[in-house]
């Protein structure tokens, strides 16, 4: 399935949609910031240049800002919670979703920069690409 949304939300390689971006699961707090250096399936580099993920920081900031506004407005205006209770609930929600949102922001930025290549996906699926095992980078 060659879909940008699939690649972004399943945290897969933007080029082949098969290799994982991160060595641990979406909600893993064991190694929250560890990321592979390249795709284990097709070899696409995930760190093409120093400072590459500054763009992901802006995606994260904008998305989390609108999310936080939406949650507080919903809890306060629709459900009638107090502002203190709304912000306390928001802090709990953000604490749970922080690692997932960090990873989705990076995945979205990678998908903005790199496109899907069906020929690489077919070669990766057939196993004809010789890729060295990826190492992990602990980034923040």
N, C-alpha and C. Protein backbone atom coordinates (compact mmCIF):
# COMPACT_ATOMS: atom_id res chain seq x y z
N UNK A 1 0.84 -1.18 0.00
CA UNK A 1 0.00 0.00 0.00
C UNK A 1 0.89 1.24 0.00
N UNK A 2 0.84 2.01 -1.05
CA UNK A 2 1.70 3.17 -1.21
C UNK A 2 0.94 4.44 -0.85
N UNK A 3 0.84 4.72 0.43
CA UNK A 3 0.11 5.89 0.90
C UNK A 3 0.99 6.67 1.86
N UNK A 4 0.99 7.99 1.70
CA UNK A 4 1.76 8.84 2.61
C UNK A 4 1.25 8.71 4.05
N UNK A 5 -0.07 8.69 4.22
CA UNK A 5 -0.63 8.56 5.57
C UNK A 5 -0.24 7.24 6.22
N UNK A 6 -0.22 6.17 5.42
CA UNK A 6 0.22 4.87 5.95
C UNK A 6 1.66 4.97 6.43
N UNK A 7 2.52 5.55 5.61
CA UNK A 7 3.93 5.67 5.96
C UNK A 7 4.13 6.54 7.20
N UNK A 8 3.38 7.65 7.27
CA UNK A 8 3.54 8.57 8.40
C UNK A 8 3.08 7.92 9.71
N UNK A 9 1.87 7.39 9.73
CA UNK A 9 1.30 6.92 11.00
C UNK A 9 1.74 5.52 11.40
N UNK A 10 2.28 4.75 10.46
CA UNK A 10 2.84 3.44 10.84
C UNK A 10 4.34 3.54 11.06
N UNK A 11 4.90 4.75 10.91
CA UNK A 11 6.31 5.04 11.14
C UNK A 11 7.20 4.15 10.27
N UNK A 12 6.90 4.16 8.97
CA UNK A 12 7.65 3.38 7.99
C UNK A 12 8.49 4.29 7.10
N UNK A 13 9.41 3.70 6.39
CA UNK A 13 10.29 4.43 5.47
C UNK A 13 9.46 5.14 4.41
N UNK A 14 9.75 6.41 4.10
CA UNK A 14 8.98 7.12 3.08
C UNK A 14 9.26 6.63 1.67
N UNK A 15 10.40 5.99 1.45
CA UNK A 15 10.78 5.54 0.12
C UNK A 15 10.17 4.20 -0.26
N UNK A 16 10.20 3.23 0.66
CA UNK A 16 9.70 1.89 0.33
C UNK A 16 8.46 1.49 1.13
N UNK A 17 8.14 2.20 2.19
CA UNK A 17 6.99 1.93 3.07
C UNK A 17 7.09 0.55 3.73
N UNK A 18 8.30 0.03 3.87
CA UNK A 18 8.47 -1.29 4.49
C UNK A 18 9.35 -1.25 5.73
N UNK A 19 10.47 -0.54 5.68
CA UNK A 19 11.39 -0.49 6.80
C UNK A 19 10.90 0.42 7.91
N UNK A 20 11.21 0.05 9.14
CA UNK A 20 10.82 0.86 10.30
C UNK A 20 11.75 2.05 10.46
N UNK A 21 11.21 3.14 11.00
CA UNK A 21 12.02 4.32 11.31
C UNK A 21 12.69 4.19 12.68
N UNK A 22 12.04 3.49 13.60
CA UNK A 22 12.50 3.42 14.98
C UNK A 22 12.62 1.96 15.42
N UNK A 23 13.59 1.66 16.29
CA UNK A 23 13.79 0.27 16.72
C UNK A 23 12.76 -0.23 17.72
N UNK A 24 12.03 0.67 18.37
CA UNK A 24 11.03 0.26 19.36
C UNK A 24 9.64 0.68 18.90
N UNK A 25 8.61 0.22 19.58
CA UNK A 25 7.24 0.51 19.22
C UNK A 25 6.85 1.97 19.40
N UNK A 26 5.67 2.32 18.90
CA UNK A 26 5.21 3.71 18.89
C UNK A 26 5.10 4.33 20.27
N UNK A 27 4.69 3.56 21.25
CA UNK A 27 4.50 4.10 22.60
C UNK A 27 5.55 3.57 23.57
N UNK A 28 6.73 3.22 23.07
CA UNK A 28 7.79 2.70 23.91
C UNK A 28 8.54 3.85 24.57
N UNK A 29 8.66 3.75 25.87
CA UNK A 29 9.43 4.74 26.62
C UNK A 29 10.80 4.20 26.99
N UNK A 30 11.14 3.00 26.48
CA UNK A 30 12.43 2.39 26.78
C UNK A 30 13.56 3.14 26.09
N UNK A 31 13.42 3.39 24.80
CA UNK A 31 14.37 4.20 24.03
C UNK A 31 13.57 5.20 23.21
N UNK A 32 13.02 6.23 23.84
CA UNK A 32 12.07 7.09 23.13
C UNK A 32 12.65 7.88 21.97
N UNK A 33 13.93 8.21 22.01
CA UNK A 33 14.50 9.06 20.96
C UNK A 33 15.47 8.32 20.05
N UNK A 34 15.56 7.01 20.19
CA UNK A 34 16.45 6.23 19.33
C UNK A 34 15.80 6.05 17.96
N UNK A 35 16.58 6.30 16.90
CA UNK A 35 16.08 6.17 15.54
C UNK A 35 17.16 5.50 14.69
N UNK A 36 16.72 4.68 13.73
CA UNK A 36 17.67 4.05 12.82
C UNK A 36 18.36 5.10 11.97
N UNK A 37 19.59 4.81 11.55
CA UNK A 37 20.34 5.72 10.69
C UNK A 37 19.89 5.62 9.23
N UNK A 38 19.40 4.44 8.85
CA UNK A 38 18.90 4.24 7.48
C UNK A 38 17.84 3.14 7.49
N UNK A 39 17.11 3.02 6.40
CA UNK A 39 16.04 2.04 6.29
C UNK A 39 16.62 0.63 6.24
N UNK A 40 16.11 -0.28 7.08
CA UNK A 40 16.61 -1.65 7.04
C UNK A 40 16.19 -2.41 5.77
N UNK A 41 15.21 -1.92 5.04
CA UNK A 41 14.74 -2.61 3.85
C UNK A 41 15.37 -2.10 2.56
N UNK A 42 15.43 -0.76 2.39
CA UNK A 42 15.92 -0.20 1.11
C UNK A 42 17.19 0.62 1.24
N UNK A 43 17.62 0.94 2.45
CA UNK A 43 18.85 1.70 2.64
C UNK A 43 18.70 3.21 2.60
N UNK A 44 17.50 3.74 2.51
CA UNK A 44 17.27 5.20 2.48
C UNK A 44 17.83 5.82 3.76
N UNK A 45 18.75 6.81 3.64
CA UNK A 45 19.28 7.45 4.85
C UNK A 45 18.20 8.27 5.55
N UNK A 46 18.12 8.14 6.86
CA UNK A 46 17.17 8.91 7.65
C UNK A 46 17.77 10.20 8.19
N UNK A 47 19.08 10.36 8.10
CA UNK A 47 19.78 11.56 8.54
C UNK A 47 20.63 12.07 7.37
N UNK A 48 20.01 12.67 6.36
CA UNK A 48 20.77 13.06 5.17
C UNK A 48 21.77 14.20 5.41
N UNK A 49 21.53 15.03 6.41
CA UNK A 49 22.46 16.13 6.71
C UNK A 49 22.29 16.55 8.16
N UNK A 50 23.31 17.21 8.73
CA UNK A 50 23.19 17.68 10.11
C UNK A 50 22.05 18.70 10.24
N UNK A 51 21.30 18.60 11.30
CA UNK A 51 20.20 19.53 11.54
C UNK A 51 18.98 19.28 10.68
N UNK A 52 18.90 18.10 10.08
CA UNK A 52 17.81 17.80 9.15
C UNK A 52 16.43 17.91 9.81
N UNK A 53 16.32 17.52 11.06
CA UNK A 53 15.00 17.44 11.69
C UNK A 53 14.52 18.74 12.33
N UNK A 54 15.13 19.88 12.02
CA UNK A 54 14.59 21.15 12.50
C UNK A 54 13.19 21.40 11.92
N UNK A 55 12.95 20.95 10.71
CA UNK A 55 11.62 21.08 10.11
C UNK A 55 10.58 20.27 10.86
N UNK A 56 10.97 19.11 11.38
CA UNK A 56 10.05 18.28 12.16
C UNK A 56 9.67 18.98 13.46
N UNK A 57 10.57 19.80 13.97
CA UNK A 57 10.28 20.55 15.18
C UNK A 57 9.13 21.52 14.94
N UNK A 58 9.09 22.15 13.77
CA UNK A 58 7.99 23.07 13.46
C UNK A 58 6.68 22.33 13.27
N UNK A 59 6.73 21.16 12.63
CA UNK A 59 5.52 20.34 12.48
C UNK A 59 4.99 19.95 13.85
N UNK A 60 5.89 19.54 14.73
CA UNK A 60 5.49 19.16 16.08
C UNK A 60 4.88 20.33 16.84
N UNK A 61 5.50 21.49 16.73
CA UNK A 61 5.01 22.67 17.45
C UNK A 61 3.61 23.08 16.98
N UNK A 62 3.43 23.16 15.69
CA UNK A 62 2.13 23.58 15.14
C UNK A 62 1.05 22.55 15.46
N UNK A 63 1.35 21.28 15.23
CA UNK A 63 0.36 20.23 15.50
C UNK A 63 -0.01 20.12 16.97
N UNK A 64 1.00 20.17 17.83
CA UNK A 64 0.70 20.05 19.26
C UNK A 64 -0.01 21.29 19.79
N UNK A 65 0.28 22.45 19.23
CA UNK A 65 -0.42 23.66 19.65
C UNK A 65 -1.91 23.59 19.36
N UNK A 66 -2.25 23.20 18.13
CA UNK A 66 -3.67 23.06 17.79
C UNK A 66 -4.34 21.93 18.58
N UNK A 67 -3.62 20.85 18.81
CA UNK A 67 -4.17 19.75 19.60
C UNK A 67 -4.47 20.21 21.02
N UNK A 68 -3.53 20.90 21.65
CA UNK A 68 -3.72 21.36 23.02
C UNK A 68 -4.89 22.35 23.13
N UNK A 69 -4.96 23.28 22.18
CA UNK A 69 -6.09 24.21 22.17
C UNK A 69 -7.43 23.46 22.03
N UNK A 70 -7.45 22.50 21.13
CA UNK A 70 -8.68 21.73 20.91
C UNK A 70 -9.11 20.95 22.14
N UNK A 71 -8.16 20.30 22.80
CA UNK A 71 -8.49 19.51 23.99
C UNK A 71 -9.02 20.40 25.11
N UNK A 72 -8.33 21.50 25.38
CA UNK A 72 -8.76 22.38 26.47
C UNK A 72 -10.11 23.02 26.15
N UNK A 73 -10.31 23.45 24.91
CA UNK A 73 -11.60 24.05 24.54
C UNK A 73 -12.73 23.03 24.64
N UNK A 74 -12.47 21.80 24.21
CA UNK A 74 -13.50 20.75 24.31
C UNK A 74 -13.84 20.45 25.76
N UNK A 75 -12.82 20.25 26.58
CA UNK A 75 -13.08 19.91 27.99
C UNK A 75 -13.75 21.06 28.73
N UNK A 76 -13.35 22.29 28.44
CA UNK A 76 -13.89 23.43 29.18
C UNK A 76 -15.26 23.86 28.65
N UNK A 77 -15.40 24.02 27.33
CA UNK A 77 -16.64 24.55 26.78
C UNK A 77 -17.71 23.50 26.54
N UNK A 78 -17.31 22.33 26.09
CA UNK A 78 -18.31 21.30 25.77
C UNK A 78 -18.68 20.49 27.00
N UNK A 79 -17.66 20.01 27.73
CA UNK A 79 -17.95 19.17 28.90
C UNK A 79 -18.14 19.97 30.18
N UNK A 80 -17.80 21.26 30.16
CA UNK A 80 -18.02 22.12 31.31
C UNK A 80 -17.02 21.94 32.44
N UNK A 81 -15.85 21.39 32.15
CA UNK A 81 -14.82 21.23 33.18
C UNK A 81 -14.24 22.60 33.52
N UNK A 82 -13.66 22.72 34.71
CA UNK A 82 -12.98 23.96 35.07
C UNK A 82 -11.68 24.06 34.27
N UNK A 83 -11.13 25.27 34.21
CA UNK A 83 -9.87 25.45 33.48
C UNK A 83 -8.75 24.63 34.12
N UNK A 84 -8.72 24.58 35.44
CA UNK A 84 -7.68 23.82 36.13
C UNK A 84 -7.79 22.33 35.79
N UNK A 85 -8.99 21.78 35.80
CA UNK A 85 -9.18 20.36 35.46
C UNK A 85 -8.86 20.11 33.99
N UNK A 86 -9.22 21.05 33.12
CA UNK A 86 -8.92 20.90 31.69
C UNK A 86 -7.42 20.86 31.44
N UNK A 87 -6.69 21.76 32.08
CA UNK A 87 -5.24 21.76 31.89
C UNK A 87 -4.57 20.57 32.56
N UNK A 88 -5.10 20.11 33.68
CA UNK A 88 -4.55 18.92 34.32
C UNK A 88 -4.74 17.69 33.42
N UNK A 89 -5.91 17.58 32.81
CA UNK A 89 -6.15 16.48 31.88
C UNK A 89 -5.25 16.59 30.66
N UNK A 90 -5.05 17.81 30.17
CA UNK A 90 -4.17 18.02 29.03
C UNK A 90 -2.74 17.58 29.34
N UNK A 91 -2.26 17.91 30.52
CA UNK A 91 -0.90 17.51 30.90
C UNK A 91 -0.78 15.99 30.93
N UNK A 92 -1.79 15.31 31.43
CA UNK A 92 -1.79 13.84 31.43
C UNK A 92 -1.79 13.26 30.02
N UNK A 93 -2.62 13.83 29.15
CA UNK A 93 -2.70 13.35 27.77
C UNK A 93 -1.39 13.58 27.04
N UNK A 94 -0.81 14.76 27.21
CA UNK A 94 0.44 15.08 26.54
C UNK A 94 1.58 14.20 27.05
N UNK A 95 1.59 13.89 28.33
CA UNK A 95 2.63 13.02 28.89
C UNK A 95 2.57 11.63 28.27
N UNK A 96 1.37 11.16 27.97
CA UNK A 96 1.22 9.84 27.37
C UNK A 96 1.57 9.86 25.88
N UNK A 97 1.18 10.91 25.18
CA UNK A 97 1.36 10.96 23.73
C UNK A 97 2.66 11.61 23.26
N UNK A 98 3.52 12.05 24.18
CA UNK A 98 4.71 12.80 23.80
C UNK A 98 5.61 12.04 22.84
N UNK A 99 5.98 10.81 23.18
CA UNK A 99 6.90 10.03 22.34
C UNK A 99 6.27 9.75 20.98
N UNK A 100 5.00 9.39 20.98
CA UNK A 100 4.31 9.10 19.71
C UNK A 100 4.29 10.35 18.82
N UNK A 101 3.99 11.51 19.39
CA UNK A 101 3.93 12.73 18.58
C UNK A 101 5.30 13.13 18.06
N UNK A 102 6.35 12.94 18.86
CA UNK A 102 7.72 13.19 18.42
C UNK A 102 8.04 12.35 17.20
N UNK A 103 7.68 11.08 17.24
CA UNK A 103 7.97 10.16 16.14
C UNK A 103 7.12 10.46 14.91
N UNK A 104 5.85 10.76 15.09
CA UNK A 104 4.99 11.08 13.95
C UNK A 104 5.47 12.36 13.27
N UNK A 105 5.93 13.33 14.02
CA UNK A 105 6.44 14.58 13.43
C UNK A 105 7.67 14.30 12.57
N UNK A 106 8.56 13.47 13.05
CA UNK A 106 9.73 13.11 12.25
C UNK A 106 9.33 12.33 11.01
N UNK A 107 8.39 11.42 11.16
CA UNK A 107 7.92 10.65 10.01
C UNK A 107 7.24 11.55 8.98
N UNK A 108 6.45 12.51 9.43
CA UNK A 108 5.79 13.44 8.51
C UNK A 108 6.82 14.28 7.76
N UNK A 109 7.85 14.73 8.46
CA UNK A 109 8.87 15.55 7.79
C UNK A 109 9.65 14.73 6.77
N UNK A 110 9.99 13.50 7.12
CA UNK A 110 10.67 12.64 6.15
C UNK A 110 9.79 12.42 4.91
N UNK A 111 8.48 12.26 5.10
CA UNK A 111 7.58 12.05 3.98
C UNK A 111 7.38 13.30 3.15
N UNK A 112 7.59 14.48 3.74
CA UNK A 112 7.55 15.71 2.95
C UNK A 112 8.78 15.84 2.05
N UNK A 113 9.92 15.38 2.54
CA UNK A 113 11.17 15.54 1.81
C UNK A 113 11.40 14.41 0.80
N UNK A 114 11.12 13.18 1.20
CA UNK A 114 11.37 12.02 0.34
C UNK A 114 10.05 11.44 -0.15
N UNK A 115 10.03 10.99 -1.39
CA UNK A 115 8.83 10.42 -1.97
C UNK A 115 8.89 8.90 -2.07
N UNK A 116 7.74 8.32 -2.32
CA UNK A 116 7.63 6.87 -2.50
C UNK A 116 8.21 6.48 -3.85
N UNK A 117 9.01 5.43 -3.87
CA UNK A 117 9.62 4.93 -5.11
C UNK A 117 9.21 3.46 -5.29
N UNK A 118 8.26 3.19 -6.19
CA UNK A 118 7.77 1.81 -6.34
C UNK A 118 8.86 0.82 -6.72
N UNK A 119 9.85 1.26 -7.50
CA UNK A 119 10.91 0.34 -7.90
C UNK A 119 11.77 -0.08 -6.70
N UNK A 120 12.03 0.85 -5.79
CA UNK A 120 12.77 0.50 -4.57
C UNK A 120 11.94 -0.38 -3.66
N UNK A 121 10.62 -0.10 -3.59
CA UNK A 121 9.74 -0.91 -2.76
C UNK A 121 9.69 -2.35 -3.28
N UNK A 122 9.61 -2.51 -4.61
CA UNK A 122 9.57 -3.85 -5.20
C UNK A 122 10.89 -4.58 -4.97
N UNK A 123 12.01 -3.88 -5.11
CA UNK A 123 13.31 -4.50 -4.89
C UNK A 123 13.49 -4.87 -3.42
N UNK A 124 13.02 -4.02 -2.51
CA UNK A 124 13.12 -4.33 -1.08
C UNK A 124 12.25 -5.52 -0.71
N UNK A 125 11.07 -5.59 -1.30
CA UNK A 125 10.17 -6.72 -1.03
C UNK A 125 10.73 -8.02 -1.58
N UNK A 126 11.38 -7.94 -2.75
CA UNK A 126 11.98 -9.13 -3.35
C UNK A 126 13.28 -9.53 -2.66
N UNK A 127 13.87 -8.62 -1.90
CA UNK A 127 15.11 -8.91 -1.19
C UNK A 127 16.34 -8.78 -2.05
N UNK A 128 16.26 -8.02 -3.14
CA UNK A 128 17.41 -7.86 -4.04
C UNK A 128 18.31 -6.70 -3.67
N UNK A 129 17.96 -5.93 -2.67
CA UNK A 129 18.80 -4.82 -2.22
C UNK A 129 19.64 -5.31 -1.05
N UNK A 130 20.95 -5.12 -1.15
CA UNK A 130 21.85 -5.52 -0.08
C UNK A 130 22.06 -4.33 0.85
N UNK A 131 21.45 -4.39 2.03
CA UNK A 131 21.51 -3.27 2.99
C UNK A 131 22.16 -3.77 4.28
N UNK A 132 23.11 -2.98 4.76
CA UNK A 132 23.73 -3.32 6.03
C UNK A 132 22.74 -3.08 7.16
N UNK A 133 22.85 -3.82 8.26
CA UNK A 133 21.94 -3.60 9.38
C UNK A 133 22.07 -2.18 9.91
N UNK A 134 20.94 -1.52 10.18
CA UNK A 134 21.02 -0.13 10.64
C UNK A 134 21.47 -0.03 12.08
N UNK A 135 22.17 1.04 12.37
CA UNK A 135 22.51 1.36 13.75
C UNK A 135 21.51 2.39 14.24
N UNK A 136 21.48 2.62 15.52
CA UNK A 136 20.55 3.62 16.07
C UNK A 136 21.31 4.85 16.51
N UNK A 137 20.62 5.97 16.40
CA UNK A 137 21.14 7.26 16.85
C UNK A 137 20.18 7.76 17.90
N UNK A 138 20.70 8.18 19.04
CA UNK A 138 19.84 8.76 20.08
C UNK A 138 19.82 10.25 19.87
N UNK A 139 18.73 10.73 19.28
CA UNK A 139 18.63 12.15 18.98
C UNK A 139 17.58 12.79 19.87
N UNK A 140 17.66 14.09 19.98
CA UNK A 140 16.65 14.82 20.76
C UNK A 140 16.11 15.96 19.96
